[in-house]
Full PDB file with SEQRES, HELIX, SHEET, SSBOND, CRYST1, ORIGX, SCALE, CONECT and MASTER records, all heavy atoms in Angstrom:
SEQRES   1 A   33  VAL VAL MET MET GLY MET GLY GLU PRO LEU ALA ASN PHE          
SEQRES   2 A   33  ASP ALA VAL VAL ALA ALA MET SER LEU MET LEU GLU ASP          
SEQRES   3 A   33  LEU ALA TYR MET ILE SER LYS                                  
HELIX    1 AA1 PRO A    9  ASN A   12  5                                   4    
HELIX    2 AA2 PHE A   13  LEU A   24  1                                  12    
CRYST1    1.000    1.000    1.000  90.00  90.00  90.00 P 1           1          
ORIGX1      1.000000  0.000000  0.000000        0.00000                         
ORIGX2      0.000000  1.000000  0.000000        0.00000                         
ORIGX3      0.000000  0.000000  1.000000        0.00000                         
SCALE1      1.000000  0.000000  0.000000        0.00000                         
SCALE2      0.000000  1.000000  0.000000        0.00000                         
SCALE3      0.000000  0.000000  1.000000        0.00000                         
ATOM      1  N   VAL A   1       0.627 -10.598 -19.564  1.00  0.00           N  
ATOM      2  CA  VAL A   1      -0.673 -11.101 -20.012  1.00  0.00           C  
ATOM      3  C   VAL A   1      -0.637 -11.211 -21.527  1.00  0.00           C  
ATOM      4  O   VAL A   1      -0.212 -10.272 -22.212  1.00  0.00           O  
ATOM      5  CB  VAL A   1      -1.830 -10.175 -19.590  1.00  0.00           C  
ATOM      6  CG1 VAL A   1      -3.155 -10.685 -20.170  1.00  0.00           C  
ATOM      7  CG2 VAL A   1      -1.929 -10.086 -18.076  1.00  0.00           C  
ATOM      8  N   VAL A   2      -1.052 -12.361 -22.039  1.00  0.00           N  
ATOM      9  CA  VAL A   2      -1.121 -12.542 -23.484  1.00  0.00           C  
ATOM     10  C   VAL A   2      -2.565 -12.858 -23.870  1.00  0.00           C  
ATOM     11  O   VAL A   2      -3.185 -13.753 -23.302  1.00  0.00           O  
ATOM     12  CB  VAL A   2      -0.166 -13.655 -23.981  1.00  0.00           C  
ATOM     13  CG1 VAL A   2       1.273 -13.199 -23.866  1.00  0.00           C  
ATOM     14  CG2 VAL A   2      -0.357 -14.950 -23.221  1.00  0.00           C  
ATOM     15  N   MET A   3      -3.091 -12.096 -24.829  1.00  0.00           N  
ATOM     16  CA  MET A   3      -4.409 -12.387 -25.384  1.00  0.00           C  
ATOM     17  C   MET A   3      -4.219 -13.497 -26.414  1.00  0.00           C  
ATOM     18  O   MET A   3      -4.158 -13.263 -27.612  1.00  0.00           O  
ATOM     19  CB  MET A   3      -4.998 -11.125 -26.025  1.00  0.00           C  
ATOM     20  CG  MET A   3      -5.217  -9.967 -25.078  1.00  0.00           C  
ATOM     21  SD  MET A   3      -6.387 -10.322 -23.747  1.00  0.00           S  
ATOM     22  CE  MET A   3      -7.796 -10.942 -24.634  1.00  0.00           C  
ATOM     23  N   MET A   4      -4.114 -14.733 -25.902  1.00  0.00           N  
ATOM     24  CA  MET A   4      -3.708 -15.853 -26.735  1.00  0.00           C  
ATOM     25  C   MET A   4      -4.493 -17.109 -26.367  1.00  0.00           C  
ATOM     26  O   MET A   4      -4.100 -18.217 -26.684  1.00  0.00           O  
ATOM     27  CB  MET A   4      -2.204 -16.095 -26.567  1.00  0.00           C  
ATOM     28  CG  MET A   4      -1.513 -16.859 -27.687  1.00  0.00           C  
ATOM     29  SD  MET A   4       0.259 -17.076 -27.351  1.00  0.00           S  
ATOM     30  CE  MET A   4       0.895 -15.410 -27.490  1.00  0.00           C  
ATOM     31  N   GLY A   5      -5.596 -16.931 -25.622  1.00  0.00           N  
ATOM     32  CA  GLY A   5      -6.410 -18.073 -25.246  1.00  0.00           C  
ATOM     33  C   GLY A   5      -7.437 -18.369 -26.324  1.00  0.00           C  
ATOM     34  O   GLY A   5      -7.184 -18.208 -27.520  1.00  0.00           O  
ATOM     35  N   MET A   6      -8.608 -18.820 -25.911  1.00  0.00           N  
ATOM     36  CA  MET A   6      -9.668 -19.129 -26.865  1.00  0.00           C  
ATOM     37  C   MET A   6     -10.084 -17.874 -27.615  1.00  0.00           C  
ATOM     38  O   MET A   6     -10.271 -16.805 -27.017  1.00  0.00           O  
ATOM     39  CB  MET A   6     -10.872 -19.704 -26.128  1.00  0.00           C  
ATOM     40  CG  MET A   6     -10.627 -21.034 -25.433  1.00  0.00           C  
ATOM     41  SD  MET A   6     -11.995 -21.546 -24.369  1.00  0.00           S  
ATOM     42  CE  MET A   6     -13.286 -21.815 -25.590  1.00  0.00           C  
ATOM     43  N   GLY A   7     -10.237 -17.983 -28.952  1.00  0.00           N  
ATOM     44  CA  GLY A   7     -10.787 -16.891 -29.737  1.00  0.00           C  
ATOM     45  C   GLY A   7      -9.748 -16.042 -30.439  1.00  0.00           C  
ATOM     46  O   GLY A   7      -8.549 -16.131 -30.175  1.00  0.00           O  
ATOM     47  N   GLU A   8     -10.228 -15.211 -31.350  1.00  0.00           N  
ATOM     48  CA  GLU A   8      -9.417 -14.241 -32.087  1.00  0.00           C  
ATOM     49  C   GLU A   8      -9.678 -12.860 -31.491  1.00  0.00           C  
ATOM     50  O   GLU A   8     -10.768 -12.293 -31.659  1.00  0.00           O  
ATOM     51  CB  GLU A   8      -9.796 -14.268 -33.572  1.00  0.00           C  
ATOM     52  CG  GLU A   8      -9.327 -13.074 -34.388  1.00  0.00           C  
ATOM     53  CD  GLU A   8      -7.831 -12.813 -34.325  1.00  0.00           C  
ATOM     54  OE1 GLU A   8      -7.059 -13.720 -34.683  1.00  0.00           O  
ATOM     55  OE2 GLU A   8      -7.448 -11.694 -33.917  1.00  0.00           O  
ATOM     56  N   PRO A   9      -8.698 -12.292 -30.776  1.00  0.00           N  
ATOM     57  CA  PRO A   9      -8.924 -11.017 -30.085  1.00  0.00           C  
ATOM     58  C   PRO A   9      -9.408  -9.883 -30.987  1.00  0.00           C  
ATOM     59  O   PRO A   9     -10.261  -9.088 -30.589  1.00  0.00           O  
ATOM     60  CB  PRO A   9      -7.553 -10.695 -29.473  1.00  0.00           C  
ATOM     61  CG  PRO A   9      -6.895 -12.019 -29.335  1.00  0.00           C  
ATOM     62  CD  PRO A   9      -7.361 -12.842 -30.493  1.00  0.00           C  
ATOM     63  N   LEU A  10      -8.867  -9.782 -32.204  1.00  0.00           N  
ATOM     64  CA  LEU A  10      -9.243  -8.669 -33.078  1.00  0.00           C  
ATOM     65  C   LEU A  10     -10.647  -8.818 -33.641  1.00  0.00           C  
ATOM     66  O   LEU A  10     -11.201  -7.865 -34.196  1.00  0.00           O  
ATOM     67  CB  LEU A  10      -8.235  -8.516 -34.218  1.00  0.00           C  
ATOM     68  CG  LEU A  10      -6.844  -8.021 -33.796  1.00  0.00           C  
ATOM     69  CD1 LEU A  10      -5.950  -7.842 -35.019  1.00  0.00           C  
ATOM     70  CD2 LEU A  10      -6.927  -6.720 -32.996  1.00  0.00           C  
ATOM     71  N   ALA A  11     -11.263  -9.988 -33.469  1.00  0.00           N  
ATOM     72  CA  ALA A  11     -12.667 -10.169 -33.851  1.00  0.00           C  
ATOM     73  C   ALA A  11     -13.607  -9.726 -32.732  1.00  0.00           C  
ATOM     74  O   ALA A  11     -14.827  -9.721 -32.914  1.00  0.00           O  
ATOM     75  CB  ALA A  11     -12.931 -11.622 -34.224  1.00  0.00           C  
ATOM     76  N   ASN A  12     -13.055  -9.358 -31.598  1.00  0.00           N  
ATOM     77  CA  ASN A  12     -13.820  -8.822 -30.463  1.00  0.00           C  
ATOM     78  C   ASN A  12     -13.149  -7.532 -30.025  1.00  0.00           C  
ATOM     79  O   ASN A  12     -12.765  -7.352 -28.870  1.00  0.00           O  
ATOM     80  CB  ASN A  12     -13.848  -9.855 -29.327  1.00  0.00           C  
ATOM     81  CG  ASN A  12     -14.748  -9.445 -28.174  1.00  0.00           C  
ATOM     82  OD1 ASN A  12     -15.578  -8.543 -28.306  1.00  0.00           O  
ATOM     83  ND2 ASN A  12     -14.586 -10.104 -27.036  1.00  0.00           N  
ATOM     84  N   PHE A  13     -12.997  -6.625 -30.967  1.00  0.00           N  
ATOM     85  CA  PHE A  13     -12.074  -5.503 -30.874  1.00  0.00           C  
ATOM     86  C   PHE A  13     -12.346  -4.609 -29.656  1.00  0.00           C  
ATOM     87  O   PHE A  13     -11.454  -4.385 -28.827  1.00  0.00           O  
ATOM     88  CB  PHE A  13     -12.149  -4.669 -32.157  1.00  0.00           C  
ATOM     89  CG  PHE A  13     -11.069  -3.632 -32.279  1.00  0.00           C  
ATOM     90  CD1 PHE A  13      -9.875  -3.914 -32.926  1.00  0.00           C  
ATOM     91  CD2 PHE A  13     -11.237  -2.360 -31.737  1.00  0.00           C  
ATOM     92  CE1 PHE A  13      -8.873  -2.970 -33.029  1.00  0.00           C  
ATOM     93  CE2 PHE A  13     -10.245  -1.400 -31.841  1.00  0.00           C  
ATOM     94  CZ  PHE A  13      -9.054  -1.703 -32.487  1.00  0.00           C  
ATOM     95  N   ASP A  14     -13.543  -4.062 -29.535  1.00  0.00           N  
ATOM     96  CA  ASP A  14     -13.812  -3.043 -28.516  1.00  0.00           C  
ATOM     97  C   ASP A  14     -13.639  -3.596 -27.099  1.00  0.00           C  
ATOM     98  O   ASP A  14     -13.046  -2.937 -26.235  1.00  0.00           O  
ATOM     99  CB  ASP A  14     -15.216  -2.462 -28.697  1.00  0.00           C  
ATOM    100  CG  ASP A  14     -15.352  -1.634 -29.973  1.00  0.00           C  
ATOM    101  OD1 ASP A  14     -14.318  -1.144 -30.474  1.00  0.00           O  
ATOM    102  OD2 ASP A  14     -16.478  -1.493 -30.473  1.00  0.00           O  
ATOM    103  N   ALA A  15     -14.170  -4.779 -26.848  1.00  0.00           N  
ATOM    104  CA  ALA A  15     -14.064  -5.357 -25.507  1.00  0.00           C  
ATOM    105  C   ALA A  15     -12.615  -5.682 -25.158  1.00  0.00           C  
ATOM    106  O   ALA A  15     -12.179  -5.476 -24.024  1.00  0.00           O  
ATOM    107  CB  ALA A  15     -14.932  -6.608 -25.408  1.00  0.00           C  
ATOM    108  N   VAL A  16     -11.868  -6.175 -26.130  1.00  0.00           N  
ATOM    109  CA  VAL A  16     -10.453  -6.510 -25.896  1.00  0.00           C  
ATOM    110  C   VAL A  16      -9.635  -5.256 -25.609  1.00  0.00           C  
ATOM    111  O   VAL A  16      -8.828  -5.226 -24.674  1.00  0.00           O  
ATOM    112  CB  VAL A  16      -9.877  -7.288 -27.097  1.00  0.00           C  
ATOM    113  CG1 VAL A  16      -8.352  -7.334 -27.048  1.00  0.00           C  
ATOM    114  CG2 VAL A  16     -10.445  -8.699 -27.126  1.00  0.00           C  
ATOM    115  N   VAL A  17      -9.841  -4.202 -26.395  1.00  0.00           N  
ATOM    116  CA  VAL A  17      -9.096  -2.959 -26.183  1.00  0.00           C  
ATOM    117  C   VAL A  17      -9.415  -2.373 -24.803  1.00  0.00           C  
ATOM    118  O   VAL A  17      -8.515  -1.920 -24.079  1.00  0.00           O  
ATOM    119  CB  VAL A  17      -9.395  -1.949 -27.305  1.00  0.00           C  
ATOM    120  CG1 VAL A  17      -8.865  -0.561 -26.959  1.00  0.00           C  
ATOM    121  CG2 VAL A  17      -8.777  -2.424 -28.621  1.00  0.00           C  
ATOM    122  N   ALA A  18     -10.689  -2.388 -24.417  1.00  0.00           N  
ATOM    123  CA  ALA A  18     -11.072  -1.860 -23.105  1.00  0.00           C  
ATOM    124  C   ALA A  18     -10.445  -2.686 -21.983  1.00  0.00           C  
ATOM    125  O   ALA A  18      -9.967  -2.130 -20.981  1.00  0.00           O  
ATOM    126  CB  ALA A  18     -12.591  -1.850 -22.970  1.00  0.00           C  
ATOM    127  N   ALA A  19     -10.426  -4.006 -22.138  1.00  0.00           N  
ATOM    128  CA  ALA A  19      -9.822  -4.864 -21.111  1.00  0.00           C  
ATOM    129  C   ALA A  19      -8.316  -4.627 -21.021  1.00  0.00           C  
ATOM    130  O   ALA A  19      -7.753  -4.577 -19.924  1.00  0.00           O  
ATOM    131  CB  ALA A  19     -10.117  -6.330 -21.423  1.00  0.00           C  
ATOM    132  N   MET A  20      -7.658  -4.463 -22.169  1.00  0.00           N  
ATOM    133  CA  MET A  20      -6.214  -4.219 -22.139  1.00  0.00           C  
ATOM    134  C   MET A  20      -5.903  -2.876 -21.498  1.00  0.00           C  
ATOM    135  O   MET A  20      -4.875  -2.729 -20.819  1.00  0.00           O  
ATOM    136  CB  MET A  20      -5.631  -4.302 -23.547  1.00  0.00           C  
ATOM    137  CG  MET A  20      -5.645  -5.699 -24.138  1.00  0.00           C  
ATOM    138  SD  MET A  20      -4.656  -5.905 -25.663  1.00  0.00           S  
ATOM    139  CE  MET A  20      -5.380  -4.649 -26.728  1.00  0.00           C  
ATOM    140  N   SER A  21      -6.778  -1.883 -21.680  1.00  0.00           N  
ATOM    141  CA  SER A  21      -6.544  -0.583 -21.037  1.00  0.00           C  
ATOM    142  C   SER A  21      -6.582  -0.723 -19.519  1.00  0.00           C  
ATOM    143  O   SER A  21      -5.839  -0.031 -18.805  1.00  0.00           O  
ATOM    144  CB  SER A  21      -7.575   0.443 -21.513  1.00  0.00           C  
ATOM    145  OG  SER A  21      -8.838   0.239 -20.910  1.00  0.00           O  
ATOM    146  N   LEU A  22      -7.413  -1.623 -19.008  1.00  0.00           N  
ATOM    147  CA  LEU A  22      -7.445  -1.875 -17.570  1.00  0.00           C  
ATOM    148  C   LEU A  22      -6.192  -2.606 -17.112  1.00  0.00           C  
ATOM    149  O   LEU A  22      -5.690  -2.370 -16.010  1.00  0.00           O  
ATOM    150  CB  LEU A  22      -8.689  -2.696 -17.205  1.00  0.00           C  
ATOM    151  CG  LEU A  22     -10.008  -1.928 -17.209  1.00  0.00           C  
ATOM    152  CD1 LEU A  22     -11.199  -2.881 -17.172  1.00  0.00           C  
ATOM    153  CD2 LEU A  22     -10.070  -0.956 -16.033  1.00  0.00           C  
ATOM    154  N   MET A  23      -5.657  -3.494 -17.934  1.00  0.00           N  
ATOM    155  CA  MET A  23      -4.401  -4.176 -17.588  1.00  0.00           C  
ATOM    156  C   MET A  23      -3.270  -3.176 -17.430  1.00  0.00           C  
ATOM    157  O   MET A  23      -2.412  -3.300 -16.543  1.00  0.00           O  
ATOM    158  CB  MET A  23      -4.044  -5.199 -18.663  1.00  0.00           C  
ATOM    159  CG  MET A  23      -5.052  -6.324 -18.836  1.00  0.00           C  
ATOM    160  SD  MET A  23      -4.639  -7.376 -20.255  1.00  0.00           S  
ATOM    161  CE  MET A  23      -6.218  -8.166 -20.593  1.00  0.00           C  
ATOM    162  N   LEU A  24      -3.257  -2.149 -18.285  1.00  0.00           N  
ATOM    163  CA  LEU A  24      -2.187  -1.146 -18.271  1.00  0.00           C  
ATOM    164  C   LEU A  24      -2.412  -0.063 -17.226  1.00  0.00           C  
ATOM    165  O   LEU A  24      -1.467   0.633 -16.837  1.00  0.00           O  
ATOM    166  CB  LEU A  24      -2.082  -0.484 -19.654  1.00  0.00           C  
ATOM    167  CG  LEU A  24      -1.855  -1.389 -20.864  1.00  0.00           C  
ATOM    168  CD1 LEU A  24      -1.880  -0.571 -22.146  1.00  0.00           C  
ATOM    169  CD2 LEU A  24      -0.542  -2.142 -20.754  1.00  0.00           C  
ATOM    170  N   GLU A  25      -3.648   0.108 -16.778  1.00  0.00           N  
ATOM    171  CA  GLU A  25      -4.035   1.225 -15.915  1.00  0.00           C  
ATOM    172  C   GLU A  25      -3.301   1.196 -14.566  1.00  0.00           C  
ATOM    173  O   GLU A  25      -3.270   0.187 -13.869  1.00  0.00           O  
ATOM    174  CB  GLU A  25      -5.557   1.160 -15.689  1.00  0.00           C  
ATOM    175  CG  GLU A  25      -6.109   2.116 -14.658  1.00  0.00           C  
ATOM    176  CD  GLU A  25      -5.785   3.566 -14.979  1.00  0.00           C  
ATOM    177  OE1 GLU A  25      -6.074   4.007 -16.106  1.00  0.00           O  
ATOM    178  OE2 GLU A  25      -5.235   4.245 -14.087  1.00  0.00           O  
ATOM    179  N   ASP A  26      -2.709   2.337 -14.190  1.00  0.00           N  
ATOM    180  CA  ASP A  26      -1.965   2.435 -12.939  1.00  0.00           C  
ATOM    181  C   ASP A  26      -2.841   2.161 -11.722  1.00  0.00           C  
ATOM    182  O   ASP A  26      -2.358   1.658 -10.697  1.00  0.00           O  
ATOM    183  CB  ASP A  26      -1.332   3.817 -12.799  1.00  0.00           C  
ATOM    184  CG  ASP A  26      -0.145   4.016 -13.731  1.00  0.00           C  
ATOM    185  OD1 ASP A  26       0.287   3.016 -14.345  1.00  0.00           O  
ATOM    186  OD2 ASP A  26       0.332   5.156 -13.864  1.00  0.00           O  
ATOM    187  N   LEU A  27      -4.133   2.501 -11.786  1.00  0.00           N  
ATOM    188  CA  LEU A  27      -5.039   2.279 -10.668  1.00  0.00           C  
ATOM    189  C   LEU A  27      -5.583   0.860 -10.629  1.00  0.00           C  
ATOM    190  O   LEU A  27      -6.331   0.507  -9.708  1.00  0.00           O  
ATOM    191  CB  LEU A  27      -6.209   3.270 -10.736  1.00  0.00           C  
ATOM    192  CG  LEU A  27      -5.850   4.746 -10.626  1.00  0.00           C  
ATOM    193  CD1 LEU A  27      -7.078   5.621 -10.821  1.00  0.00           C  
ATOM    194  CD2 LEU A  27      -5.202   5.047  -9.272  1.00  0.00           C  
ATOM    195  N   ALA A  28      -5.217   0.048 -11.616  1.00  0.00           N  
ATOM    196  CA  ALA A  28      -5.713  -1.329 -11.673  1.00  0.00           C  
ATOM    197  C   ALA A  28      -4.532  -2.296 -11.573  1.00  0.00           C  
ATOM    198  O   ALA A  28      -3.996  -2.524 -10.493  1.00  0.00           O  
ATOM    199  CB  ALA A  28      -6.530  -1.543 -12.943  1.00  0.00           C  
ATOM    200  N   TYR A  29      -4.058  -2.814 -12.716  1.00  0.00           N  
ATOM    201  CA  TYR A  29      -3.036  -3.861 -12.675  1.00  0.00           C  
ATOM    202  C   TYR A  29      -1.631  -3.339 -12.966  1.00  0.00           C  
ATOM    203  O   TYR A  29      -0.646  -4.008 -12.648  1.00  0.00           O  
ATOM    204  CB  TYR A  29      -3.409  -4.989 -13.644  1.00  0.00           C  
ATOM    205  CG  TYR A  29      -4.754  -5.575 -13.289  1.00  0.00           C  
ATOM    206  CD1 TYR A  29      -5.923  -5.098 -13.891  1.00  0.00           C  
ATOM    207  CD2 TYR A  29      -4.875  -6.535 -12.301  1.00  0.00           C  
ATOM    208  CE1 TYR A  29      -7.161  -5.594 -13.528  1.00  0.00           C  
ATOM    209  CE2 TYR A  29      -6.108  -7.040 -11.931  1.00  0.00           C  
ATOM    210  CZ  TYR A  29      -7.253  -6.556 -12.550  1.00  0.00           C  
ATOM    211  OH  TYR A  29      -8.477  -7.030 -12.176  1.00  0.00           O  
ATOM    212  N   MET A  30      -1.533  -2.196 -13.610  1.00  0.00           N  
ATOM    213  CA  MET A  30      -0.255  -1.506 -13.801  1.00  0.00           C  
ATOM    214  C   MET A  30       0.787  -2.407 -14.472  1.00  0.00           C  
ATOM    215  O   MET A  30       1.949  -2.445 -14.085  1.00  0.00           O  
ATOM    216  CB  MET A  30       0.269  -0.965 -12.469  1.00  0.00           C  
ATOM    217  CG  MET A  30       1.257   0.186 -12.610  1.00  0.00           C  
ATOM    218  SD  MET A  30       1.552   1.055 -11.038  1.00  0.00           S  
ATOM    219  CE  MET A  30       2.297  -0.248 -10.052  1.00  0.00           C  
ATOM    220  N   ILE A  31       0.362  -3.156 -15.494  1.00  0.00           N  
ATOM    221  CA  ILE A  31       1.280  -4.006 -16.242  1.00  0.00           C  
ATOM    222  C   ILE A  31       1.900  -3.179 -17.368  1.00  0.00           C  
ATOM    223  O   ILE A  31       1.205  -2.401 -18.028  1.00  0.00           O  
ATOM    224  CB  ILE A  31       0.548  -5.234 -16.809  1.00  0.00           C  
ATOM    225  CG1 ILE A  31      -0.133  -6.013 -15.675  1.00  0.00           C  
ATOM    226  CG2 ILE A  31       1.506  -6.146 -17.559  1.00  0.00           C  
ATOM    227  CD1 ILE A  31      -1.038  -7.132 -16.148  1.00  0.00           C  
ATOM    228  N   SER A  32       3.175  -3.332 -17.600  1.00  0.00           N  
ATOM    229  CA  SER A  32       3.862  -2.576 -18.637  1.00  0.00           C  
ATOM    230  C   SER A  32       3.280  -2.894 -20.011  1.00  0.00           C  
ATOM    231  O   SER A  32       2.901  -4.035 -20.294  1.00  0.00           O  
ATOM    232  CB  SER A  32       5.357  -2.902 -18.617  1.00  0.00           C  
ATOM    233  OG  SER A  32       5.990  -2.460 -19.794  1.00  0.00           O  
ATOM    234  N   LYS A  33       3.244  -1.884 -20.883  1.00  0.00           N  
ATOM    235  CA  LYS A  33       2.713  -2.094 -22.232  1.00  0.00           C  
ATOM    236  C   LYS A  33       3.525  -3.114 -23.018  1.00  0.00           C  
ATOM    237  O   LYS A  33       3.002  -3.754 -23.935  1.00  0.00           O  
ATOM    238  CB  LYS A  33       2.662  -0.768 -22.992  1.00  0.00           C  
ATOM    239  CG  LYS A  33       4.026  -0.152 -23.284  1.00  0.00           C  
ATOM    240  CD  LYS A  33       3.886   1.167 -24.007  1.00  0.00           C  
ATOM    241  CE  LYS A  33       5.257   1.751 -24.369  1.00  0.00           C  
ATOM    242  NZ  LYS A  33       5.139   3.055 -25.061  1.00  0.00           N  
TER     243      LYS A  33                                                      
MASTER        0    0    0    2    0    0    0    6  242    1    0    3          
END                                                                             
């Protein structure tokens, strides 16, 4: 997964970080860091 679509991810810091934590979460998507 790349945060590379519409927008600047670091300008939406908290929501992006929370979403990425779900991408990495073993109980969710379990994608490697």
